[in-house]
Amino acid sequence: MKLFNTLSGTLEELKLLRKGEVSLYTCGPTVYDYAHIGNFRTFVFEDLLRRFLEYQGLKVKHVMNITDVDDKTIAGANRDGKKLQDFTQPYIDAFGEDLKTLNILPPNHPEHPPRATEEIKAMVALIEKLVAKKIAYVNDGSVYYRVSTFPNYGKLSKKKLEGNIQGARVDVDEYEKEEAADFALWKKAKEGEPAWDSPWSKGRPGWHIECSAMSMKYLGETFDIHAGGEDLIFPHHENEIAQSEGATGKPFVKYWLHAKHLLVNGEKMSKSKGNFYTLRDLLQKGYDPMAIRYALLSVHYRQQLNFTLEGMGASQEALKRIRDFWYERSFGAMRPEKQKGSGKLSILLKRTKQDFSEALENDLNVPQALGIIFAFIKSGNLISKDEIGTDEDKQADKFFNEVDDILGVFSKLFFTQDIPLDIRKLVEERQKVRKEKDFSRADNLRNQVRKKGFILEDTASGTRVKKLL
């Protein structure tokens, strides 16, 4: 398997520190608001990475942090007149719900995602190491990292910072300058801010030290993969490297993976432009969560994705094509009588499996992998049903299950006549309000049906009801 390493700027073969085991750290959300679809593009990419590694038989130790103390969370808590934990907890809960909605596997190490506010001790210990080595210095109760002590600063972002290091200091988590130099490791608390004890002052950690402390605590001083969005390369990930390697004298991470930014209608997402979407916004518009996941996956993670509502319709249609073909194979696999086939589908499937795996082994090339799936479906549809044997249908059904284990997006469906009464009533009510052109109410009813485990497909011959397996 080859992955593009931001550190080297090249495709590299994945060589693990421990045989059969992958240590993976992904930057989690800063919980001052609901996560938006740009965030979820990165989370879906990271989920694909983990799923494919596990499909290859590797044990993935996946850590994702929760940033529940920084400038934004503190500002939000103060604005709403709440304690920090009371402000952040609803967003932490919402994020967990959103992961489930998009079929994103939860991190599996430790049992619960580490929160910054619960790992202060590890952060203080790491800062103490840096101060003892004179890599960090104390100024009026705050502690700063001395960038000039780390000659390789800029090796991840490829930024040339010579001449901009001496004397520069930034005392905030949000950077205005493109080339910030010395950065805060510990911040002396201002009046009204949450604070913890430390050798230097009552205060709180800087944003960057949080990820270094949590990743090394749970994965070790050197681990395999660190992933995130491209906006984190500088200064966040650059600073993680400097402070981690400064403290340990060891390489911090072998492979750095970054997902490209997402645009909406060709522009950067902005609330003022009206093109800012959280996952919940799209669900309220009636979109299938798996169509949202499909749209976020369908463009290679290192290519810019232009998200549009029109594109959501194309994603829904693509899913329908796959689901319908899979349903036919699944239905054929359950035939009580064994039908002997010509072998054409088996030959086609063997080549498809190999091509599909090779596409994903090449830096998770999902567009190519999806193209292979659709080529298989197109060719498979040209084979007469009388030529497809029961065993071939079983092979195809198994293959689609494996593909869905990796992509996590197709959500096998089956047609059913056994529709519960409450679902039938919702469908009938929706048909009525659609005739009345009350489309907002119709979308709301579709969402109610989906929450109960059923999917509605509007066709020329009427609405079809499918049950989610």
Protein backbone atom coordinates (compact mmCIF):
# COMPACT_ATOMS: atom_id res chain seq x y z
CA MET A 1 0.00 0.00 0.00
CA LYS A 2 1.28 3.48 -0.91
CA LEU A 3 0.24 6.74 0.76
CA PHE A 4 1.20 10.34 0.05
CA ASN A 5 3.34 11.57 2.94
CA THR A 6 3.12 15.34 3.37
CA LEU A 7 6.44 15.23 5.23
CA SER A 8 8.40 13.85 2.27
CA GLY A 9 6.07 15.19 -0.43
CA THR A 10 6.04 11.78 -2.16
CA LEU A 11 4.09 8.56 -2.37
CA GLU A 12 5.61 6.09 0.06
CA GLU A 13 5.10 2.41 0.71
CA LEU A 14 3.51 1.91 4.12
CA LYS A 15 6.06 0.29 6.45
CA LEU A 16 4.76 -0.10 9.97
CA LEU A 17 6.62 0.29 13.26
CA ARG A 18 5.06 -2.91 14.59
CA LYS A 19 4.14 -5.87 12.42
CA GLY A 20 0.40 -6.19 11.89
CA GLU A 21 -0.47 -3.06 13.90
CA VAL A 22 -1.12 0.54 12.85
CA SER A 23 -0.97 3.46 15.29
CA LEU A 24 -3.23 6.22 13.94
CA TYR A 25 -3.94 9.66 15.39
CA THR A 26 -6.56 11.95 13.89
CA CYS A 27 -7.29 15.50 15.03
CA GLY A 28 -10.82 15.59 16.41
CA PRO A 29 -13.29 18.46 16.60
CA THR A 30 -13.03 21.70 18.54
CA VAL A 31 -16.41 21.61 20.24
CA TYR A 32 -17.64 25.20 20.11
CA ASP A 33 -20.30 24.51 17.42
CA TYR A 34 -21.71 21.72 15.25
CA ALA A 35 -19.16 20.23 12.85
CA HIS A 36 -19.66 21.31 9.22
CA ILE A 37 -19.33 19.28 6.03
CA GLY A 38 -15.76 20.51 5.49
CA ASN A 39 -14.86 18.86 8.79
CA PHE A 40 -16.70 15.73 7.81
CA ARG A 41 -14.87 15.46 4.50
CA THR A 42 -11.71 14.93 6.57
CA PHE A 43 -13.40 12.58 9.06
CA VAL A 44 -14.84 10.44 6.23
CA PHE A 45 -11.41 10.22 4.56
CA GLU A 46 -9.85 9.13 7.84
CA ASP A 47 -12.61 6.56 8.29
CA LEU A 48 -11.89 5.14 4.83
CA LEU A 49 -8.19 4.90 5.69
CA ARG A 50 -8.92 2.97 8.88
CA ARG A 51 -11.47 0.69 7.24
CA PHE A 52 -9.12 -0.25 4.40
CA LEU A 53 -6.24 -0.91 6.79
CA GLU A 54 -8.50 -3.19 8.84
CA TYR A 55 -9.74 -4.89 5.66
CA GLN A 56 -6.11 -5.76 4.95
CA GLY A 57 -5.97 -7.62 8.25
CA LEU A 58 -4.16 -4.95 10.26
CA LYS A 59 -5.05 -4.03 13.82
CA VAL A 60 -5.61 -0.27 13.94
CA LYS A 61 -5.12 1.57 17.22
CA HIS A 62 -7.05 4.77 16.48
CA VAL A 63 -6.92 7.81 18.77
CA MET A 64 -9.01 10.93 18.13
CA ASN A 65 -8.95 13.82 20.59
CA ILE A 66 -11.64 16.27 21.62
CA THR A 67 -10.50 19.88 21.91
CA ASP A 68 -12.77 21.19 24.65
CA VAL A 69 -10.61 24.10 25.82
CA ASP A 70 -9.22 26.79 23.52
CA ASP A 71 -10.00 30.39 22.61
CA LYS A 72 -13.20 29.50 20.73
CA THR A 73 -14.70 27.25 23.40
CA ILE A 74 -13.91 29.76 26.14
CA ALA A 75 -15.38 32.62 24.10
CA GLY A 76 -18.53 30.60 23.44
CA ALA A 77 -18.97 29.68 27.11
CA ASN A 78 -18.50 33.30 28.18
CA ARG A 79 -20.93 34.51 25.51
CA ASP A 80 -23.62 32.09 26.70
CA GLY A 81 -22.86 32.60 30.39
CA LYS A 82 -22.09 28.90 30.94
CA LYS A 83 -19.38 26.86 32.56
CA LEU A 84 -16.95 25.49 29.94
CA GLN A 85 -18.08 21.87 30.35
CA ASP A 86 -21.76 22.79 30.18
CA PHE A 87 -21.08 24.67 26.95
CA THR A 88 -19.00 21.97 25.23
CA GLN A 89 -20.89 18.81 26.28
CA PRO A 90 -23.88 19.24 23.93
CA TYR A 91 -21.50 19.65 20.97
CA ILE A 92 -19.52 16.58 22.05
CA ASP A 93 -22.76 14.59 22.17
CA ALA A 94 -23.85 15.98 18.78
CA PHE A 95 -20.52 15.02 17.22
CA GLY A 96 -20.94 11.43 18.41
CA GLU A 97 -24.42 11.35 16.86
CA ASP A 98 -23.08 12.76 13.60
CA LEU A 99 -20.40 10.06 13.41
CA LYS A 100 -23.12 7.41 13.69
CA THR A 101 -25.27 9.15 11.08
CA LEU A 102 -22.42 9.12 8.54
CA ASN A 103 -21.41 5.56 9.46
CA ILE A 104 -17.99 6.72 10.68
CA LEU A 105 -16.32 4.23 12.99
CA PRO A 106 -15.66 5.70 16.44
CA PRO A 107 -12.02 5.84 17.62
CA ASN A 108 -11.12 2.67 19.50
CA HIS A 109 -8.24 3.74 21.76
CA PRO A 110 -8.63 4.43 24.59
CA GLU A 111 -12.23 3.43 25.31
CA HIS A 112 -13.42 7.05 24.95
CA PRO A 113 -11.82 9.90 22.97
CA PRO A 114 -9.44 11.80 25.25
CA ARG A 115 -10.57 15.32 26.07
CA ALA A 116 -8.07 18.10 26.49
CA THR A 117 -9.53 19.14 29.85
CA GLU A 118 -8.99 15.61 31.20
CA GLU A 119 -5.36 15.35 30.06
CA ILE A 120 -3.86 18.50 31.61
CA LYS A 121 -1.41 16.47 33.72
CA ALA A 122 0.19 14.92 30.62
CA MET A 123 0.46 18.36 28.99
CA VAL A 124 2.13 19.93 32.02
CA ALA A 125 4.64 17.05 32.17
CA LEU A 126 5.53 17.53 28.50
CA ILE A 127 5.97 21.29 28.92
CA GLU A 128 8.21 20.67 31.94
CA LYS A 129 10.53 18.59 29.74
CA LEU A 130 10.77 21.42 27.21
CA VAL A 131 11.46 24.03 29.91
CA ALA A 132 14.16 21.81 31.46
CA LYS A 133 15.87 21.54 28.06
CA LYS A 134 15.63 25.34 27.61
CA ILE A 135 13.59 24.70 24.46
CA ALA A 136 10.77 26.58 26.16
CA TYR A 137 10.88 29.71 28.31
CA VAL A 138 8.59 31.28 30.92
CA ASN A 139 7.34 34.83 30.59
CA ASP A 140 4.95 36.27 33.19
CA GLY A 141 3.37 32.91 34.01
CA SER A 142 2.99 31.78 30.39
CA VAL A 143 5.33 29.35 28.66
CA TYR A 144 6.50 29.65 25.05
CA TYR A 145 8.30 27.33 22.67
CA ARG A 146 11.57 28.76 21.38
CA VAL A 147 11.38 27.95 17.67
CA SER A 148 15.03 28.90 17.09
CA THR A 149 16.07 25.76 19.02
CA PHE A 150 14.51 23.48 16.39
CA PRO A 151 16.56 23.74 13.17
CA ASN A 152 14.09 21.65 11.14
CA TYR A 153 11.11 23.88 11.87
CA GLY A 154 9.12 24.12 8.65
CA LYS A 155 9.97 20.63 7.36
CA LEU A 156 6.30 19.61 7.16
CA SER A 157 4.82 22.81 5.70
CA LYS A 158 7.96 23.61 3.63
CA LYS A 159 7.76 27.19 4.90
CA LYS A 160 10.99 29.19 4.97
CA LEU A 161 11.00 30.93 8.34
CA GLU A 162 14.60 32.16 8.59
CA GLY A 163 14.65 35.77 9.69
CA ASN A 164 11.14 35.57 11.07
CA ILE A 165 11.97 33.56 14.19
CA GLN A 166 13.95 35.78 16.53
CA GLY A 167 11.74 37.74 18.91
CA ALA A 168 8.41 36.85 17.35
CA ARG A 169 5.71 35.56 19.65
CA VAL A 170 2.03 34.79 19.28
CA ASP A 171 -0.13 34.45 22.39
CA VAL A 172 -3.35 33.18 20.84
CA ASP A 173 -4.62 29.87 19.46
CA GLU A 174 -5.84 31.44 16.23
CA TYR A 175 -3.06 32.68 13.99
CA GLU A 176 -3.40 35.79 11.87
CA LYS A 177 0.17 35.69 10.50
CA GLU A 178 1.16 33.07 7.99
CA GLU A 179 4.60 32.75 9.56
CA ALA A 180 4.19 32.77 13.33
CA ALA A 181 7.30 31.93 15.34
CA ASP A 182 7.45 31.28 19.12
CA PHE A 183 4.14 29.87 20.22
CA ALA A 184 2.35 29.38 23.52
CA LEU A 185 2.57 26.07 25.36
CA TRP A 186 0.89 27.30 28.54
CA LYS A 187 -1.25 30.42 28.95
CA LYS A 188 -1.62 32.26 32.19
CA ALA A 189 -5.33 32.56 32.88
CA LYS A 190 -7.08 35.83 32.30
CA GLU A 191 -9.92 36.91 34.55
CA GLY A 192 -13.01 34.77 34.04
CA GLU A 193 -11.18 32.00 32.18
CA PRO A 194 -11.09 28.33 33.27
CA ALA A 195 -7.73 27.49 34.81
CA TRP A 196 -5.66 24.59 36.09
CA ASP A 197 -2.63 24.48 38.40
CA SER A 198 0.86 24.34 36.92
CA PRO A 199 4.43 25.16 38.09
CA TRP A 200 4.18 28.50 36.26
CA SER A 201 0.68 29.84 36.92
CA LYS A 202 -2.96 28.94 37.08
CA GLY A 203 -3.78 28.72 33.42
CA ARG A 204 -4.50 26.45 30.50
CA PRO A 205 -2.61 24.65 27.73
CA GLY A 206 -2.01 26.01 24.25
CA TRP A 207 -3.83 24.23 21.46
CA HIS A 208 -0.78 22.59 19.90
CA ILE A 209 0.56 20.95 23.08
CA GLU A 210 -2.79 19.21 23.58
CA CYS A 211 -2.38 16.94 20.54
CA SER A 212 1.29 16.20 21.23
CA ALA A 213 0.57 15.15 24.80
CA MET A 214 -2.49 13.05 24.00
CA SER A 215 -1.07 11.32 20.93
CA MET A 216 2.19 10.33 22.64
CA LYS A 217 0.42 9.26 25.82
CA TYR A 218 -1.75 6.73 23.98
CA LEU A 219 0.39 5.80 20.95
CA GLY A 220 3.99 6.31 22.09
CA GLU A 221 6.71 8.84 21.33
CA THR A 222 6.84 7.68 17.70
CA PHE A 223 3.79 6.35 15.84
CA ASP A 224 2.75 5.46 12.30
CA ILE A 225 0.16 7.89 10.92
CA HIS A 226 -1.13 11.35 11.83
CA ALA A 227 -4.02 12.60 9.67
CA GLY A 228 -6.09 15.77 9.41
CA GLY A 229 -7.24 18.55 7.12
CA GLU A 230 -4.72 20.54 5.08
CA ASP A 231 -5.53 23.67 7.13
CA LEU A 232 -3.79 22.01 10.10
CA ILE A 233 -0.41 21.57 8.38
CA PHE A 234 0.71 25.01 9.56
CA PRO A 235 0.95 25.99 12.28
CA HIS A 236 -0.72 23.16 14.21
CA HIS A 237 1.02 20.06 12.88
CA GLU A 238 4.30 21.91 12.36
CA ASN A 239 4.24 22.92 16.00
CA GLU A 240 3.31 19.41 17.11
CA ILE A 241 6.46 18.11 15.44
CA ALA A 242 8.69 20.79 16.96
CA GLN A 243 7.48 20.35 20.53
CA SER A 244 7.26 16.53 20.40
CA GLU A 245 10.65 15.93 18.79
CA GLY A 246 12.18 18.68 20.93
CA ALA A 247 11.03 16.86 24.06
CA THR A 248 11.91 13.29 23.05
CA GLY A 249 14.73 13.63 20.51
CA LYS A 250 12.92 10.99 18.42
CA PRO A 251 10.95 11.16 15.16
CA PHE A 252 7.34 12.00 16.06
CA VAL A 253 5.30 10.54 13.17
CA LYS A 254 6.29 8.45 10.11
CA TYR A 255 3.44 9.38 7.77
CA TRP A 256 1.47 12.63 7.65
CA LEU A 257 -1.77 12.53 5.62
CA HIS A 258 -3.86 15.59 4.82
CA ALA A 259 -7.22 16.04 3.11
CA LYS A 260 -7.78 18.96 0.75
CA HIS A 261 -10.23 21.76 1.52
CA LEU A 262 -13.86 21.50 0.52
CA LEU A 263 -15.55 24.26 -1.48
CA VAL A 264 -19.29 24.86 -1.73
CA ASN A 265 -20.52 26.05 -5.13
CA GLY A 266 -16.93 26.87 -6.03
CA GLU A 267 -16.38 29.15 -3.03
CA LYS A 268 -14.98 28.84 0.45
CA MET A 269 -17.72 27.98 2.94
CA SER A 270 -19.01 31.04 4.76
CA LYS A 271 -22.13 31.77 6.76
CA SER A 272 -22.25 35.25 5.22
CA LYS A 273 -22.40 33.72 1.72
CA GLY A 274 -25.20 31.35 2.70
CA ASN A 275 -23.19 28.30 1.61
CA PHE A 276 -22.30 27.02 5.07
CA TYR A 277 -23.73 23.56 5.87
CA THR A 278 -23.57 21.38 8.92
CA LEU A 279 -24.55 17.74 8.54
CA ARG A 280 -27.80 18.56 10.31
CA ASP A 281 -28.60 21.27 7.75
CA LEU A 282 -28.41 18.71 4.94
CA LEU A 283 -30.47 16.14 6.83
CA GLN A 284 -33.19 18.74 7.33
CA LYS A 285 -33.24 19.21 3.57
CA GLY A 286 -34.09 15.51 3.24
CA TYR A 287 -30.81 14.11 1.94
CA ASP A 288 -29.91 10.47 2.59
CA PRO A 289 -26.92 10.43 5.01
CA MET A 290 -25.22 7.84 2.81
CA ALA A 291 -25.58 10.12 -0.21
CA ILE A 292 -23.81 12.79 1.83
CA ARG A 293 -21.05 10.32 2.72
CA TYR A 294 -20.81 9.25 -0.91
CA ALA A 295 -20.43 12.86 -2.05
CA LEU A 296 -17.65 13.45 0.50
CA LEU A 297 -15.84 10.26 -0.56
CA SER A 298 -16.27 10.47 -4.30
CA VAL A 299 -13.38 12.88 -4.98
CA HIS A 300 -9.84 11.85 -4.04
CA TYR A 301 -8.91 13.17 -0.61
CA ARG A 302 -5.96 15.16 -2.02
CA GLN A 303 -8.14 16.83 -4.66
CA GLN A 304 -10.41 19.78 -3.95
CA LEU A 305 -14.06 18.78 -3.66
CA ASN A 306 -16.67 21.23 -4.92
CA PHE A 307 -19.79 20.38 -2.93
CA THR A 308 -23.14 21.36 -4.48
CA LEU A 309 -26.73 20.47 -3.75
CA GLU A 310 -27.10 19.47 -7.41
CA GLY A 311 -24.25 17.02 -6.89
CA MET A 312 -26.18 15.46 -4.02
CA GLY A 313 -28.79 14.31 -6.54
CA ALA A 314 -26.08 12.62 -8.60
CA SER A 315 -24.76 10.92 -5.46
CA GLN A 316 -28.22 9.61 -4.63
CA GLU A 317 -28.59 8.21 -8.16
CA ALA A 318 -25.15 6.56 -8.00
CA LEU A 319 -26.08 4.88 -4.73
CA LYS A 320 -29.36 3.70 -6.20
CA ARG A 321 -27.57 2.03 -9.13
CA ILE A 322 -25.27 0.15 -6.78
CA ARG A 323 -28.01 -0.78 -4.32
CA ASP A 324 -30.33 -2.06 -7.07
CA PHE A 325 -27.63 -4.25 -8.63
CA TRP A 326 -26.59 -5.55 -5.21
CA TYR A 327 -30.20 -6.32 -4.38
CA GLU A 328 -30.55 -8.42 -7.53
CA ARG A 329 -27.43 -10.41 -6.65
CA SER A 330 -28.56 -10.83 -3.05
CA PHE A 331 -32.00 -11.98 -4.18
CA GLY A 332 -30.45 -14.46 -6.62
CA ALA A 333 -28.15 -15.81 -3.89
CA MET A 334 -31.21 -16.75 -1.80
CA ARG A 335 -32.86 -18.86 -4.52
CA PRO A 336 -33.91 -22.22 -3.04
CA GLU A 337 -33.01 -24.04 -6.26
CA LYS A 338 -29.41 -23.95 -7.48
CA GLN A 339 -29.02 -22.42 -10.91
CA LYS A 340 -25.88 -23.19 -12.89
CA GLY A 341 -24.31 -20.20 -14.61
CA SER A 342 -22.08 -19.65 -17.60
CA GLY A 343 -19.19 -18.39 -15.45
CA LYS A 344 -19.15 -14.97 -17.12
CA LEU A 345 -20.00 -13.10 -13.91
CA SER A 346 -17.34 -15.03 -11.95
CA ILE A 347 -14.64 -14.09 -14.46
CA LEU A 348 -15.76 -10.48 -14.39
CA LEU A 349 -15.86 -10.45 -10.59
CA LYS A 350 -12.34 -11.87 -10.22
CA ARG A 351 -10.85 -9.03 -12.28
CA THR A 352 -13.01 -6.45 -10.51
CA LYS A 353 -11.84 -7.54 -7.04
CA GLN A 354 -8.20 -7.23 -8.02
CA ASP A 355 -8.61 -3.85 -9.71
CA PHE A 356 -10.67 -2.49 -6.80
CA SER A 357 -8.03 -3.42 -4.21
CA GLU A 358 -5.21 -2.06 -6.34
CA ALA A 359 -7.01 1.27 -6.70
CA LEU A 360 -7.30 1.70 -2.94
CA GLU A 361 -3.76 0.49 -2.32
CA ASN A 362 -2.66 3.42 -4.50
CA ASP A 363 -3.19 6.25 -2.00
CA LEU A 364 -6.88 5.44 -1.44
CA ASN A 365 -7.96 6.21 -5.00
CA VAL A 366 -11.71 6.07 -4.38
CA PRO A 367 -12.78 7.66 -7.71
CA GLN A 368 -10.94 4.90 -9.57
CA ALA A 369 -12.36 2.24 -7.22
CA LEU A 370 -15.92 3.51 -7.77
CA GLY A 371 -15.34 3.57 -11.51
CA ILE A 372 -14.36 -0.10 -11.31
CA ILE A 373 -17.56 -0.89 -9.41
CA PHE A 374 -19.74 0.88 -11.99
CA ALA A 375 -17.91 -0.84 -14.85
CA PHE A 376 -18.64 -4.18 -13.15
CA ILE A 377 -22.32 -3.27 -12.79
CA LYS A 378 -22.56 -2.15 -16.42
CA SER A 379 -20.98 -5.38 -17.68
CA GLY A 380 -22.95 -7.48 -15.21
CA ASN A 381 -26.23 -5.99 -16.43
CA LEU A 382 -25.37 -7.15 -19.96
CA ILE A 383 -25.25 -10.78 -18.80
CA SER A 384 -28.58 -12.55 -19.05
CA LYS A 385 -30.08 -13.58 -15.70
CA ASP A 386 -30.33 -17.11 -17.07
CA GLU A 387 -26.53 -17.15 -17.39
CA ILE A 388 -25.85 -16.12 -13.78
CA GLY A 389 -25.60 -19.05 -11.40
CA THR A 390 -26.65 -19.12 -7.77
CA ASP A 391 -23.01 -19.47 -6.68
CA GLU A 392 -22.07 -16.45 -8.79
CA ASP A 393 -24.77 -14.37 -7.14
CA LYS A 394 -23.42 -15.45 -3.76
CA GLN A 395 -19.90 -14.43 -4.79
CA ALA A 396 -21.14 -11.03 -5.95
CA ASP A 397 -23.21 -10.52 -2.80
CA LYS A 398 -20.16 -11.32 -0.66
CA PHE A 399 -18.04 -8.91 -2.70
CA PHE A 400 -20.48 -6.03 -2.22
CA ASN A 401 -20.55 -6.73 1.51
CA GLU A 402 -16.75 -6.50 1.56
CA VAL A 403 -16.78 -3.31 -0.49
CA ASP A 404 -19.30 -1.78 1.87
CA ASP A 405 -17.12 -2.76 4.84
CA ILE A 406 -14.40 -0.61 3.26
CA LEU A 407 -16.38 2.34 1.87
CA GLY A 408 -19.14 2.22 4.48
CA VAL A 409 -21.54 3.93 2.13
CA PHE A 410 -23.82 1.57 0.19
CA SER A 411 -25.99 0.41 3.10
CA LYS A 412 -27.54 -2.77 1.73
CA LEU A 413 -31.28 -2.38 1.27
CA PHE A 414 -34.00 -4.80 0.37
CA PHE A 415 -37.51 -4.35 -0.95
CA THR A 416 -40.12 -5.45 1.50
CA GLN A 417 -43.86 -5.98 1.52
CA ASP A 418 -43.77 -6.27 5.29
CA ILE A 419 -43.97 -2.55 6.00
CA PRO A 420 -45.01 -1.67 9.56
CA LEU A 421 -48.27 0.23 9.95
CA ASP A 422 -46.61 3.39 11.30
CA ILE A 423 -44.30 3.51 8.25
CA ARG A 424 -47.23 3.03 5.84
CA LYS A 425 -49.08 5.91 7.49
CA LEU A 426 -46.04 8.19 7.16
CA VAL A 427 -45.64 7.24 3.49
CA GLU A 428 -49.32 7.86 2.79
CA GLU A 429 -49.19 11.22 4.56
CA ARG A 430 -46.10 12.17 2.57
CA GLN A 431 -47.78 11.30 -0.71
CA LYS A 432 -50.69 13.52 0.27
CA VAL A 433 -48.56 16.56 1.18
CA ARG A 434 -46.46 16.13 -1.98
CA LYS A 435 -49.64 16.43 -4.05
CA GLU A 436 -50.36 19.59 -2.10
CA LYS A 437 -46.79 20.77 -2.96
CA ASP A 438 -45.88 21.08 0.71
CA PHE A 439 -42.33 19.86 0.02
CA SER A 440 -40.90 21.01 3.34
CA ARG A 441 -43.39 18.78 5.18
CA ALA A 442 -42.68 15.97 2.70
CA ASP A 443 -38.94 16.17 3.46
CA ASN A 444 -39.67 16.11 7.18
CA LEU A 445 -41.76 12.94 6.78
CA ARG A 446 -39.02 11.32 4.70
CA ASN A 447 -36.59 12.00 7.57
CA GLN A 448 -39.01 10.42 10.05
CA VAL A 449 -39.20 7.31 7.87
CA ARG A 450 -35.40 7.15 7.58
CA LYS A 451 -34.95 7.39 11.36
CA LYS A 452 -37.14 4.29 11.66
CA GLY A 453 -34.84 2.32 9.35
CA PHE A 454 -36.55 2.70 5.96
CA ILE A 455 -35.56 4.54 2.77
CA LEU A 456 -38.00 6.06 0.29
CA GLU A 457 -37.26 6.17 -3.44
CA ASP A 458 -39.54 8.25 -5.66
CA THR A 459 -39.90 6.67 -9.11
CA ALA A 460 -42.10 7.25 -12.15
CA SER A 461 -44.28 4.35 -11.01
CA GLY A 462 -44.62 5.60 -7.43
CA THR A 463 -42.71 5.60 -4.16
CA ARG A 464 -40.72 2.48 -3.31
CA VAL A 465 -40.03 1.60 0.33
CA LYS A 466 -36.78 -0.18 1.22
CA LYS A 467 -35.63 -1.37 4.59
CA LEU A 468 -32.08 -0.69 5.76
CA LEU A 469 -30.22 -3.81 6.81
